[in-house]
Amino acid sequence: MSLIIYLVKYLGCLEKILDLGRIPKQYQSDNDSYKLRLELDKSFLEAFSVSVKEKDLHSLYKDYIDFPKNYNLLIFNSYIIAEKSGTKKDIFNERVLAYEVGFNLIKIKLPQYSHKLRHLRDINPDNLGIKFKELIEVLMEIPEYLSIEEISEILGQKWEEIKKGFQFQVLPKKLPIRKVIAYGISECERSKTFYNLVKKGDLQSAGELMNISHDGDRIKKYNISSSEELSFNNELDNTSLKEILESKVSLDHISGGYGCSIPEIDYIVDYAKQCEGVLGAQLSGAGMGGCAMILVEKDKSEEIQKLIYKNYQERFKKSCSVYLSHPVNGLSLYYNP
């Protein structure tokens, strides 16, 4: 989610094959690489029916940072396809719907700031001019779960507008509102902090944010030394929020509970974290399958790459791949050899 957006846009897209010699001639000079990125991004967005103007894309390239020289990003591919159909589609829709409902509930709780709340990323102390404690107190007022009937009663006509954008095979009885909206708010904050940490070279803290981010996505936890599956609770009741206030953690250190990982990804993240030379690991993408990304020290990369591959196959008896990635400047052209 947000961290991978920053990895892609600021550290670069992850690619295995890029034939620079076959980029169209009008874009082969260094001076025109910026123009190429704009055209590629514009085409990509418009392919998904997102109408954009070139001037709107310039903000993506205001402040590039270099990928840290002494580190690599390993990509673990589980080959488990996150099919966006059936029950999996319902789970994704539940989470996105929870975002929509939670966002509108917060606008109700903070009517004096409604003019500042256009997107989920706008819910932060700096933008609203409030203290962190006040934001946590607002979260305490957001129900942990709501039924569809309760949502309809609270949001009224707004609910009628929201629900038009969602289709379910099986309508959920209750939606996890508080922990999902908390994940979204803190994940937006993590993406900004992550960027700043990498920019100043604090990769240790950046890796910690990756771990926290994954805790918001995970559904299981593992003790690697004993291969034991541990109990894991991502609920966010008032007691948990009070503990957050007492511990004086920052907003970017609240994991929340989005819960769209899978056991295989959770296991690999926990396995990677106990390897010497790993700074952080997390789910990559929307979840329910797919990949994990692991930030590692460069001189330990190949060793960890082999260990993860071997350990995963031994435990799950499934195929996988683990490969080293390298950053490039934004969206790129791919060619088959």
Foldseek 3Di string as FASTA:
>chain_A
DLQVVCCPLAAFDWDDFADLVPDPPVQNDPVNVVVVQLVVVCVVCVVVVHHDDSVVCVVSPPDHAYQDPQKFKKKKWQPPDQDCDAPSVVLLLLLVLLQVLLLVLLCVVCVVCVVQRDDLQSPDCVNRVHDPVVSLVSLQVDDQKDALVRSCVVPPPVSVVSCVVDDHPDHDRMGRRSLSSLQSNLSSVLSVVLVVCVRVPNLLVNQVLQALQQLQAADWAADVVVRDIDDHDQRCHPVNSVVCVVVVDDSNNRRGHSHQADPLQNVLQNVLVPDPFWRHKHDPDDHPRTIMMTMGGNVCVVVSQVVSQVVSCVPPVGHMHMDITHRDNHDGDGDDD
